[in-house]
Structures are given as C-alpha cells and as structure tokens.
Amino acid sequence: MDSEIGIKTGEIAQRWKGTPGMLTGALQEIQETFGYLPEEGIRTLASELDIPLSRIFSVATFYSFFRLTPPGLHHIQVCEGTACHVLGADQLSAKLFRDLKIGDEGVSEDRLFSIDRVRCLGCCSMAPVVRIDDRTYGRVRQKNVAGILKPYLKEGDGEN
C-alpha cells in the first residue's frame, strides 16, 4: 500500500469506514479520484473496510456507473433514452465504435477516446444526444460525427 493508489484509497476508506452506504460511497470517491476503479484500489478498499473482495467486485460490476478500466482522454457518452433511441442512438453508437476502433472495453487503442452508452442525459428535446467530456451535442446524425470528432482527433495528433 505504498503506491499513490494504495495511499489515497486507504485515506478514502478511513473517511467512509462505519458509514451507512460506505461501499458505494467509497467506490464513487475512488472513481472520482482516479477516473476508474483500479484493481489495487479495490484490493486496498477490501482490506481497509474488511469487506470480501468478491462483494466489492459484485457492486462495482452491477452498477454501470463504475469503470474497471481507465477512460480515454476524451470520454464520450451516447444517450440511449427513449427519445434518443427512437431517433437513432443505436446507429450513432455503432458508428462511433466503428470509426474510433473501440473494442469491448469501450476504449480506443490509442486511449484517446472511451465510450459509454447511458440511459438518459436529460436533453430529450435535443435528441439524439452525444456528450464528449463536458460538451453536449444535440440532434446528432451519423453524417455529423466526423465533424464533431475533428477537434478531439487533432489533440491526439499533438496539434492544438
């Protein structure tokens, strides 16, 4: 537990120890700190809170909010709520996965992008909606994807 992950996770665990909902609260704080749930962090949390590792993994894999792999530099969320779904969110997701060569882990090989399909971004009047980092794009069509991604792709080339 001498690594940065172990030390920070230990501090988080101590803040949550004995608190109702401590496991999910601690997992959320760990993810906010590191951007995902590192294996070392999960193991440290299990030890510090005296919770079986299997229970922590069970919670971490049950909730889609939690990530077990580091996100890409730019995180894409594709809304798949009812309005977005009806207006083509599935096709948008498929195009993004294909164009960015994103595999099963949801992260591109160059780690520039990660994608999550989310239930609702609360922008139904702008459906279908794609969010990249903190920027929301509404009424997105497949033909708009290349233009939306262009500034983010330039960052990966070292331009900017």
N, C-alpha and C. Protein backbone atom coordinates (compact mmCIF):
# COMPACT_ATOMS: atom_id res chain seq x y z
N MET A 1 0.83 -1.20 0.00
CA MET A 1 0.00 0.00 0.00
C MET A 1 0.87 1.25 0.00
N ASP A 2 2.05 1.15 -0.54
CA ASP A 2 2.95 2.30 -0.58
C ASP A 2 2.75 3.14 -1.84
N SER A 3 1.98 2.64 -2.81
CA SER A 3 1.78 3.39 -4.04
C SER A 3 0.77 4.51 -3.80
N GLU A 4 0.72 5.43 -4.74
CA GLU A 4 -0.23 6.54 -4.65
C GLU A 4 -1.66 6.02 -4.60
N ILE A 5 -1.97 5.01 -5.41
CA ILE A 5 -3.32 4.44 -5.41
C ILE A 5 -3.64 3.86 -4.03
N GLY A 6 -2.73 3.09 -3.48
CA GLY A 6 -2.96 2.48 -2.18
C GLY A 6 -3.13 3.50 -1.07
N ILE A 7 -2.29 4.51 -1.08
CA ILE A 7 -2.35 5.54 -0.04
C ILE A 7 -3.66 6.32 -0.12
N LYS A 8 -4.01 6.80 -1.32
CA LYS A 8 -5.24 7.58 -1.47
C LYS A 8 -6.48 6.74 -1.17
N THR A 9 -6.45 5.48 -1.63
CA THR A 9 -7.59 4.61 -1.35
C THR A 9 -7.72 4.35 0.15
N GLY A 10 -6.61 4.17 0.83
CA GLY A 10 -6.63 3.99 2.28
C GLY A 10 -7.26 5.19 2.98
N GLU A 11 -6.92 6.39 2.53
CA GLU A 11 -7.50 7.61 3.10
C GLU A 11 -9.00 7.67 2.86
N ILE A 12 -9.40 7.31 1.64
CA ILE A 12 -10.83 7.31 1.30
C ILE A 12 -11.56 6.29 2.17
N ALA A 13 -10.99 5.11 2.31
CA ALA A 13 -11.62 4.06 3.12
C ALA A 13 -11.83 4.52 4.56
N GLN A 14 -10.84 5.20 5.12
CA GLN A 14 -10.96 5.65 6.50
C GLN A 14 -12.07 6.68 6.66
N ARG A 15 -12.27 7.52 5.65
CA ARG A 15 -13.36 8.52 5.71
C ARG A 15 -14.72 7.83 5.69
N TRP A 16 -14.84 6.70 4.99
CA TRP A 16 -16.13 6.04 4.81
C TRP A 16 -16.40 4.94 5.83
N LYS A 17 -15.38 4.50 6.53
CA LYS A 17 -15.50 3.36 7.45
C LYS A 17 -16.63 3.59 8.46
N GLY A 18 -17.55 2.61 8.55
CA GLY A 18 -18.64 2.68 9.51
C GLY A 18 -19.83 3.52 9.08
N THR A 19 -19.77 4.14 7.92
CA THR A 19 -20.85 4.98 7.43
C THR A 19 -21.85 4.13 6.63
N PRO A 20 -23.16 4.34 6.83
CA PRO A 20 -24.12 3.60 6.00
C PRO A 20 -23.85 3.89 4.52
N GLY A 21 -23.90 2.87 3.71
CA GLY A 21 -23.62 3.03 2.28
C GLY A 21 -22.15 3.23 1.98
N MET A 22 -21.30 2.80 2.94
CA MET A 22 -19.86 3.09 2.81
C MET A 22 -19.25 2.51 1.55
N LEU A 23 -19.70 1.34 1.12
CA LEU A 23 -19.07 0.71 -0.03
C LEU A 23 -19.29 1.50 -1.31
N THR A 24 -20.54 1.80 -1.61
CA THR A 24 -20.79 2.55 -2.85
C THR A 24 -20.22 3.96 -2.76
N GLY A 25 -20.31 4.57 -1.60
CA GLY A 25 -19.75 5.91 -1.43
C GLY A 25 -18.25 5.92 -1.64
N ALA A 26 -17.57 4.94 -1.05
CA ALA A 26 -16.11 4.85 -1.20
C ALA A 26 -15.74 4.55 -2.65
N LEU A 27 -16.48 3.66 -3.30
CA LEU A 27 -16.20 3.35 -4.71
C LEU A 27 -16.38 4.59 -5.59
N GLN A 28 -17.43 5.36 -5.32
CA GLN A 28 -17.64 6.59 -6.09
C GLN A 28 -16.48 7.56 -5.90
N GLU A 29 -16.03 7.71 -4.68
CA GLU A 29 -14.92 8.64 -4.42
C GLU A 29 -13.62 8.14 -5.05
N ILE A 30 -13.39 6.84 -5.02
CA ILE A 30 -12.20 6.29 -5.67
C ILE A 30 -12.26 6.56 -7.17
N GLN A 31 -13.43 6.34 -7.77
CA GLN A 31 -13.55 6.59 -9.21
C GLN A 31 -13.39 8.06 -9.54
N GLU A 32 -13.92 8.94 -8.72
CA GLU A 32 -13.73 10.38 -8.94
C GLU A 32 -12.26 10.75 -8.86
N THR A 33 -11.52 10.09 -7.98
CA THR A 33 -10.10 10.39 -7.79
C THR A 33 -9.25 9.89 -8.95
N PHE A 34 -9.51 8.67 -9.42
CA PHE A 34 -8.64 8.05 -10.43
C PHE A 34 -9.26 7.97 -11.82
N GLY A 35 -10.56 8.27 -11.94
CA GLY A 35 -11.23 8.17 -13.24
C GLY A 35 -11.78 6.78 -13.50
N TYR A 36 -11.44 5.84 -12.66
CA TYR A 36 -11.92 4.46 -12.76
C TYR A 36 -11.60 3.77 -11.44
N LEU A 37 -11.92 2.48 -11.33
CA LEU A 37 -11.63 1.73 -10.12
C LEU A 37 -10.43 0.83 -10.37
N PRO A 38 -9.24 1.29 -10.01
CA PRO A 38 -8.05 0.46 -10.22
C PRO A 38 -8.10 -0.79 -9.34
N GLU A 39 -7.58 -1.89 -9.85
CA GLU A 39 -7.60 -3.15 -9.09
C GLU A 39 -6.92 -2.98 -7.73
N GLU A 40 -5.80 -2.28 -7.70
CA GLU A 40 -5.11 -2.07 -6.43
C GLU A 40 -6.00 -1.31 -5.44
N GLY A 41 -6.76 -0.35 -5.95
CA GLY A 41 -7.68 0.40 -5.10
C GLY A 41 -8.78 -0.48 -4.53
N ILE A 42 -9.30 -1.38 -5.35
CA ILE A 42 -10.36 -2.29 -4.90
C ILE A 42 -9.81 -3.23 -3.83
N ARG A 43 -8.60 -3.74 -4.05
CA ARG A 43 -7.99 -4.64 -3.07
C ARG A 43 -7.70 -3.91 -1.75
N THR A 44 -7.23 -2.68 -1.85
CA THR A 44 -6.96 -1.89 -0.64
C THR A 44 -8.25 -1.62 0.10
N LEU A 45 -9.31 -1.25 -0.63
CA LEU A 45 -10.60 -0.98 -0.01
C LEU A 45 -11.12 -2.21 0.72
N ALA A 46 -11.00 -3.37 0.10
CA ALA A 46 -11.46 -4.62 0.73
C ALA A 46 -10.73 -4.83 2.05
N SER A 47 -9.45 -4.61 2.04
CA SER A 47 -8.64 -4.80 3.25
C SER A 47 -9.00 -3.78 4.32
N GLU A 48 -9.07 -2.53 3.94
CA GLU A 48 -9.33 -1.44 4.90
C GLU A 48 -10.72 -1.50 5.52
N LEU A 49 -11.72 -1.88 4.70
CA LEU A 49 -13.10 -1.92 5.21
C LEU A 49 -13.51 -3.31 5.66
N ASP A 50 -12.60 -4.27 5.54
CA ASP A 50 -12.87 -5.66 5.92
C ASP A 50 -14.13 -6.18 5.22
N ILE A 51 -14.15 -5.97 3.90
CA ILE A 51 -15.25 -6.44 3.05
C ILE A 51 -14.66 -7.42 2.06
N PRO A 52 -15.32 -8.56 1.83
CA PRO A 52 -14.78 -9.52 0.87
C PRO A 52 -14.61 -8.90 -0.52
N LEU A 53 -13.51 -9.22 -1.15
CA LEU A 53 -13.20 -8.71 -2.49
C LEU A 53 -14.33 -9.05 -3.46
N SER A 54 -14.91 -10.22 -3.32
CA SER A 54 -16.00 -10.64 -4.22
C SER A 54 -17.20 -9.71 -4.09
N ARG A 55 -17.48 -9.23 -2.89
CA ARG A 55 -18.61 -8.30 -2.70
C ARG A 55 -18.33 -6.97 -3.37
N ILE A 56 -17.10 -6.49 -3.26
CA ILE A 56 -16.75 -5.21 -3.88
C ILE A 56 -16.85 -5.32 -5.40
N PHE A 57 -16.31 -6.41 -5.97
CA PHE A 57 -16.41 -6.60 -7.41
C PHE A 57 -17.87 -6.76 -7.84
N SER A 58 -18.67 -7.40 -7.01
CA SER A 58 -20.09 -7.57 -7.31
C SER A 58 -20.78 -6.21 -7.43
N VAL A 59 -20.51 -5.31 -6.51
CA VAL A 59 -21.10 -3.96 -6.54
C VAL A 59 -20.53 -3.16 -7.71
N ALA A 60 -19.22 -3.25 -7.90
CA ALA A 60 -18.56 -2.47 -8.96
C ALA A 60 -19.00 -2.89 -10.36
N THR A 61 -19.36 -4.17 -10.52
CA THR A 61 -19.80 -4.62 -11.84
C THR A 61 -21.31 -4.55 -12.01
N PHE A 62 -22.06 -4.44 -10.93
CA PHE A 62 -23.51 -4.34 -11.01
C PHE A 62 -23.93 -2.97 -11.53
N TYR A 63 -23.33 -1.92 -11.01
CA TYR A 63 -23.70 -0.56 -11.39
C TYR A 63 -22.90 -0.13 -12.63
N SER A 64 -23.62 0.28 -13.67
CA SER A 64 -22.95 0.65 -14.93
C SER A 64 -22.13 1.93 -14.78
N PHE A 65 -22.35 2.68 -13.72
CA PHE A 65 -21.61 3.91 -13.47
C PHE A 65 -20.13 3.64 -13.25
N PHE A 66 -19.82 2.50 -12.65
CA PHE A 66 -18.43 2.22 -12.29
C PHE A 66 -17.65 1.67 -13.48
N ARG A 67 -16.39 2.10 -13.58
CA ARG A 67 -15.48 1.66 -14.64
C ARG A 67 -14.32 0.89 -14.02
N LEU A 68 -14.00 -0.26 -14.59
CA LEU A 68 -12.87 -1.04 -14.11
C LEU A 68 -11.63 -0.83 -14.98
N THR A 69 -11.77 -0.04 -16.03
CA THR A 69 -10.63 0.28 -16.90
C THR A 69 -10.51 1.79 -16.99
N PRO A 70 -9.29 2.30 -17.18
CA PRO A 70 -9.12 3.75 -17.28
C PRO A 70 -9.86 4.29 -18.50
N PRO A 71 -10.51 5.44 -18.36
CA PRO A 71 -11.19 6.03 -19.50
C PRO A 71 -10.19 6.63 -20.48
N GLY A 72 -10.65 6.90 -21.69
CA GLY A 72 -9.82 7.57 -22.66
C GLY A 72 -9.63 9.03 -22.27
N LEU A 73 -8.75 9.71 -22.97
CA LEU A 73 -8.52 11.13 -22.73
C LEU A 73 -9.83 11.91 -22.87
N HIS A 74 -10.62 11.53 -23.89
CA HIS A 74 -11.94 12.14 -24.11
C HIS A 74 -13.00 11.09 -23.90
N HIS A 75 -13.94 11.39 -23.01
CA HIS A 75 -14.99 10.43 -22.68
C HIS A 75 -16.28 10.81 -23.41
N ILE A 76 -16.78 9.87 -24.19
CA ILE A 76 -18.00 10.07 -24.97
C ILE A 76 -19.14 9.33 -24.30
N GLN A 77 -20.27 10.01 -24.18
CA GLN A 77 -21.48 9.38 -23.68
C GLN A 77 -22.53 9.49 -24.78
N VAL A 78 -23.14 8.38 -25.12
CA VAL A 78 -24.22 8.37 -26.11
C VAL A 78 -25.50 8.09 -25.34
N CYS A 79 -26.43 9.03 -25.40
CA CYS A 79 -27.69 8.86 -24.71
C CYS A 79 -28.52 7.81 -25.44
N GLU A 80 -29.06 6.88 -24.66
CA GLU A 80 -29.93 5.87 -25.24
C GLU A 80 -31.29 5.86 -24.55
N GLY A 81 -31.68 7.03 -24.04
CA GLY A 81 -33.03 7.18 -23.50
C GLY A 81 -34.04 7.02 -24.63
N THR A 82 -35.30 7.02 -24.29
CA THR A 82 -36.35 6.73 -25.27
C THR A 82 -36.29 7.65 -26.49
N ALA A 83 -36.25 8.96 -26.29
CA ALA A 83 -36.25 9.89 -27.43
C ALA A 83 -35.01 9.68 -28.30
N CYS A 84 -33.85 9.52 -27.68
CA CYS A 84 -32.61 9.32 -28.43
C CYS A 84 -32.62 7.97 -29.16
N HIS A 85 -33.14 6.96 -28.48
CA HIS A 85 -33.21 5.63 -29.09
C HIS A 85 -34.08 5.66 -30.35
N VAL A 86 -35.24 6.28 -30.24
CA VAL A 86 -36.16 6.35 -31.38
C VAL A 86 -35.53 7.11 -32.55
N LEU A 87 -34.68 8.07 -32.25
CA LEU A 87 -34.09 8.89 -33.30
C LEU A 87 -32.69 8.43 -33.73
N GLY A 88 -32.31 7.20 -33.38
CA GLY A 88 -31.10 6.63 -33.97
C GLY A 88 -29.87 6.53 -33.09
N ALA A 89 -30.02 6.51 -31.78
CA ALA A 89 -28.85 6.42 -30.90
C ALA A 89 -28.05 5.14 -31.14
N ASP A 90 -28.73 4.05 -31.43
CA ASP A 90 -28.01 2.78 -31.67
C ASP A 90 -27.07 2.90 -32.86
N GLN A 91 -27.54 3.54 -33.92
CA GLN A 91 -26.71 3.71 -35.11
C GLN A 91 -25.54 4.66 -34.83
N LEU A 92 -25.79 5.70 -34.03
CA LEU A 92 -24.71 6.62 -33.64
C LEU A 92 -23.64 5.88 -32.84
N SER A 93 -24.08 5.09 -31.87
CA SER A 93 -23.13 4.31 -31.07
C SER A 93 -22.30 3.40 -31.96
N ALA A 94 -22.96 2.69 -32.85
CA ALA A 94 -22.26 1.77 -33.74
C ALA A 94 -21.24 2.50 -34.59
N LYS A 95 -21.60 3.67 -35.10
CA LYS A 95 -20.68 4.45 -35.93
C LYS A 95 -19.48 4.91 -35.11
N LEU A 96 -19.71 5.40 -33.91
CA LEU A 96 -18.61 5.85 -33.06
C LEU A 96 -17.67 4.70 -32.71
N PHE A 97 -18.23 3.57 -32.34
CA PHE A 97 -17.40 2.40 -32.02
C PHE A 97 -16.57 1.99 -33.24
N ARG A 98 -17.21 1.99 -34.41
CA ARG A 98 -16.53 1.58 -35.64
C ARG A 98 -15.46 2.60 -36.06
N ASP A 99 -15.83 3.86 -36.12
CA ASP A 99 -14.91 4.90 -36.60
C ASP A 99 -13.71 5.09 -35.67
N LEU A 100 -13.93 4.95 -34.38
CA LEU A 100 -12.85 5.16 -33.41
C LEU A 100 -12.13 3.86 -33.05
N LYS A 101 -12.57 2.78 -33.68
CA LYS A 101 -11.95 1.45 -33.44
C LYS A 101 -11.92 1.12 -31.95
N ILE A 102 -13.09 1.22 -31.35
CA ILE A 102 -13.22 0.96 -29.92
C ILE A 102 -13.69 -0.47 -29.71
N GLY A 103 -12.97 -1.19 -28.87
CA GLY A 103 -13.26 -2.59 -28.61
C GLY A 103 -14.22 -2.79 -27.46
N ASP A 104 -14.24 -4.02 -26.96
CA ASP A 104 -15.16 -4.42 -25.91
C ASP A 104 -15.00 -3.64 -24.62
N GLU A 105 -13.79 -3.19 -24.31
CA GLU A 105 -13.57 -2.44 -23.07
C GLU A 105 -14.11 -1.02 -23.15
N GLY A 106 -14.49 -0.58 -24.36
CA GLY A 106 -15.04 0.75 -24.52
C GLY A 106 -13.99 1.84 -24.62
N VAL A 107 -12.73 1.46 -24.91
CA VAL A 107 -11.64 2.43 -25.01
C VAL A 107 -10.89 2.18 -26.31
N SER A 108 -10.54 3.26 -27.01
CA SER A 108 -9.78 3.12 -28.25
C SER A 108 -8.35 2.67 -27.95
N GLU A 109 -7.72 2.02 -28.93
CA GLU A 109 -6.36 1.50 -28.73
C GLU A 109 -5.38 2.58 -28.30
N ASP A 110 -5.54 3.79 -28.86
CA ASP A 110 -4.63 4.89 -28.52
C ASP A 110 -5.02 5.58 -27.21
N ARG A 111 -6.10 5.11 -26.57
CA ARG A 111 -6.63 5.62 -25.31
C ARG A 111 -7.07 7.09 -25.42
N LEU A 112 -7.31 7.54 -26.64
CA LEU A 112 -7.78 8.91 -26.84
C LEU A 112 -9.27 9.03 -26.52
N PHE A 113 -10.03 7.96 -26.78
CA PHE A 113 -11.48 8.00 -26.57
C PHE A 113 -11.97 6.80 -25.77
N SER A 114 -13.01 7.04 -24.97
CA SER A 114 -13.78 5.96 -24.36
C SER A 114 -15.25 6.30 -24.57
N ILE A 115 -16.05 5.27 -24.65
CA ILE A 115 -17.49 5.46 -24.91
C ILE A 115 -18.30 4.70 -23.87
N ASP A 116 -19.35 5.34 -23.42
CA ASP A 116 -20.36 4.69 -22.59
C ASP A 116 -21.72 5.00 -23.18
N ARG A 117 -22.56 3.99 -23.20
CA ARG A 117 -23.97 4.20 -23.54
C ARG A 117 -24.68 4.46 -22.23
N VAL A 118 -25.41 5.57 -22.15
CA VAL A 118 -26.05 5.94 -20.89
C VAL A 118 -27.56 5.99 -21.08
N ARG A 119 -28.27 5.81 -19.99
CA ARG A 119 -29.73 5.74 -20.05
C ARG A 119 -30.36 7.08 -20.44
N CYS A 120 -29.91 8.18 -19.89
CA CYS A 120 -30.51 9.47 -20.22
C CYS A 120 -29.57 10.59 -19.81
N LEU A 121 -29.41 11.55 -20.70
CA LEU A 121 -28.59 12.73 -20.39
C LEU A 121 -29.47 13.93 -20.06
N GLY A 122 -30.80 13.74 -20.09
CA GLY A 122 -31.72 14.81 -19.72
C GLY A 122 -31.86 15.90 -20.76
N CYS A 123 -31.60 15.57 -22.01
CA CYS A 123 -31.68 16.55 -23.10
C CYS A 123 -32.63 16.05 -24.19
N CYS A 124 -33.75 15.52 -23.79
CA CYS A 124 -34.65 14.85 -24.72
C CYS A 124 -35.09 15.74 -25.89
N SER A 125 -35.23 17.02 -25.66
CA SER A 125 -35.65 17.91 -26.74
C SER A 125 -34.57 18.08 -27.80
N MET A 126 -33.35 17.64 -27.51
CA MET A 126 -32.23 17.75 -28.46
C MET A 126 -31.84 16.39 -29.04
N ALA A 127 -32.68 15.39 -28.87
CA ALA A 127 -32.34 14.02 -29.26
C ALA A 127 -32.06 13.90 -30.76
N PRO A 128 -31.15 12.98 -31.09
CA PRO A 128 -30.27 12.19 -30.24
C PRO A 128 -29.08 13.02 -29.76
N VAL A 129 -28.59 12.68 -28.57
CA VAL A 129 -27.57 13.48 -27.89
C VAL A 129 -26.29 12.67 -27.66
N VAL A 130 -25.17 13.36 -27.90
CA VAL A 130 -23.85 12.80 -27.62
C VAL A 130 -23.12 13.84 -26.78
N ARG A 131 -22.49 13.37 -25.70
CA ARG A 131 -21.68 14.27 -24.86
C ARG A 131 -20.23 13.81 -24.95
N ILE A 132 -19.34 14.75 -25.21
CA ILE A 132 -17.91 14.47 -25.19
C ILE A 132 -17.32 15.35 -24.11
N ASP A 133 -16.74 14.70 -23.11
CA ASP A 133 -16.24 15.38 -21.91
C ASP A 133 -17.39 16.18 -21.32
N ASP A 134 -17.30 17.49 -21.27
CA ASP A 134 -18.37 18.30 -20.68
C ASP A 134 -19.19 19.04 -21.74
N ARG A 135 -19.02 18.69 -22.99
CA ARG A 135 -19.72 19.38 -24.08
C ARG A 135 -20.81 18.48 -24.66
N THR A 136 -22.02 19.02 -24.76
CA THR A 136 -23.16 18.26 -25.24
C THR A 136 -23.51 18.68 -26.67
N TYR A 137 -23.70 17.66 -27.52
CA TYR A 137 -24.07 17.88 -28.92
C TYR A 137 -25.46 17.30 -29.13
N GLY A 138 -26.38 18.12 -29.65
CA GLY A 138 -27.75 17.68 -29.86
C GLY A 138 -28.08 17.51 -31.33
N ARG A 139 -29.16 16.75 -31.56
CA ARG A 139 -29.65 16.44 -32.91
C ARG A 139 -28.53 15.88 -33.80
N VAL A 140 -27.74 15.00 -33.22
CA VAL A 140 -26.59 14.43 -33.92
C VAL A 140 -27.05 13.37 -34.91
N ARG A 141 -26.55 13.48 -36.11
CA ARG A 141 -26.80 12.48 -37.15
C ARG A 141 -25.46 11.82 -37.48
N GLN A 142 -25.51 10.66 -38.09
CA GLN A 142 -24.27 9.96 -38.44
C GLN A 142 -23.36 10.84 -39.30
N LYS A 143 -23.96 11.63 -40.19
CA LYS A 143 -23.14 12.47 -41.07
C LYS A 143 -22.42 13.58 -40.30
N ASN A 144 -22.84 13.89 -39.07
CA ASN A 144 -22.20 14.94 -38.25
C ASN A 144 -21.05 14.42 -37.41
N VAL A 145 -20.91 13.11 -37.26
CA VAL A 145 -19.96 12.52 -36.33
C VAL A 145 -18.52 12.95 -36.64
N ALA A 146 -18.11 12.88 -37.89
CA ALA A 146 -16.73 13.23 -38.25
C ALA A 146 -16.42 14.68 -37.87
N GLY A 147 -17.33 15.59 -38.12
CA GLY A 147 -17.11 16.99 -37.78
C GLY A 147 -17.05 17.23 -36.29
N ILE A 148 -17.86 16.52 -35.54
CA ILE A 148 -17.86 16.65 -34.09
C ILE A 148 -16.55 16.13 -33.51
N LEU A 149 -16.05 15.04 -34.06
CA LEU A 149 -14.82 14.43 -33.53
C LEU A 149 -13.54 15.15 -33.96
N LYS A 150 -13.60 15.90 -35.04
CA LYS A 150 -12.40 16.51 -35.62
C LYS A 150 -11.52 17.26 -34.62
N PRO A 151 -12.06 18.18 -33.81
CA PRO A 151 -11.17 18.90 -32.88
C PRO A 151 -10.52 17.98 -31.84
N TYR A 152 -11.20 16.92 -31.45
CA TYR A 152 -10.65 15.99 -30.46
C TYR A 152 -9.57 15.11 -31.09
N LEU A 153 -9.74 14.77 -32.35
CA LEU A 153 -8.73 13.97 -33.05
C LEU A 153 -7.44 14.76 -33.24
N LYS A 154 -7.56 16.07 -33.48
CA LYS A 154 -6.38 16.91 -33.63
C LYS A 154 -5.55 16.93 -32.36
N GLU A 155 -6.22 16.89 -31.20
CA GLU A 155 -5.49 16.86 -29.92
C GLU A 155 -4.62 15.62 -29.83
N GLY A 156 -5.11 14.51 -30.35
CA GLY A 156 -4.34 13.27 -30.32
C GLY A 156 -3.14 13.30 -31.23
N ASP A 157 -3.14 14.18 -32.24
CA ASP A 157 -2.02 14.32 -33.15
C ASP A 157 -0.96 15.27 -32.62
N GLY A 158 -1.22 15.87 -31.45
CA GLY A 158 -0.27 16.82 -30.87
C GLY A 158 -0.51 18.23 -31.36
N GLU A 159 -1.51 18.40 -32.23
CA GLU A 159 -1.86 19.75 -32.69
C GLU A 159 -2.82 20.35 -31.67
N ASN A 160 -2.85 21.66 -31.61
CA ASN A 160 -3.81 22.33 -30.77
C ASN A 160 -3.32 23.66 -30.31
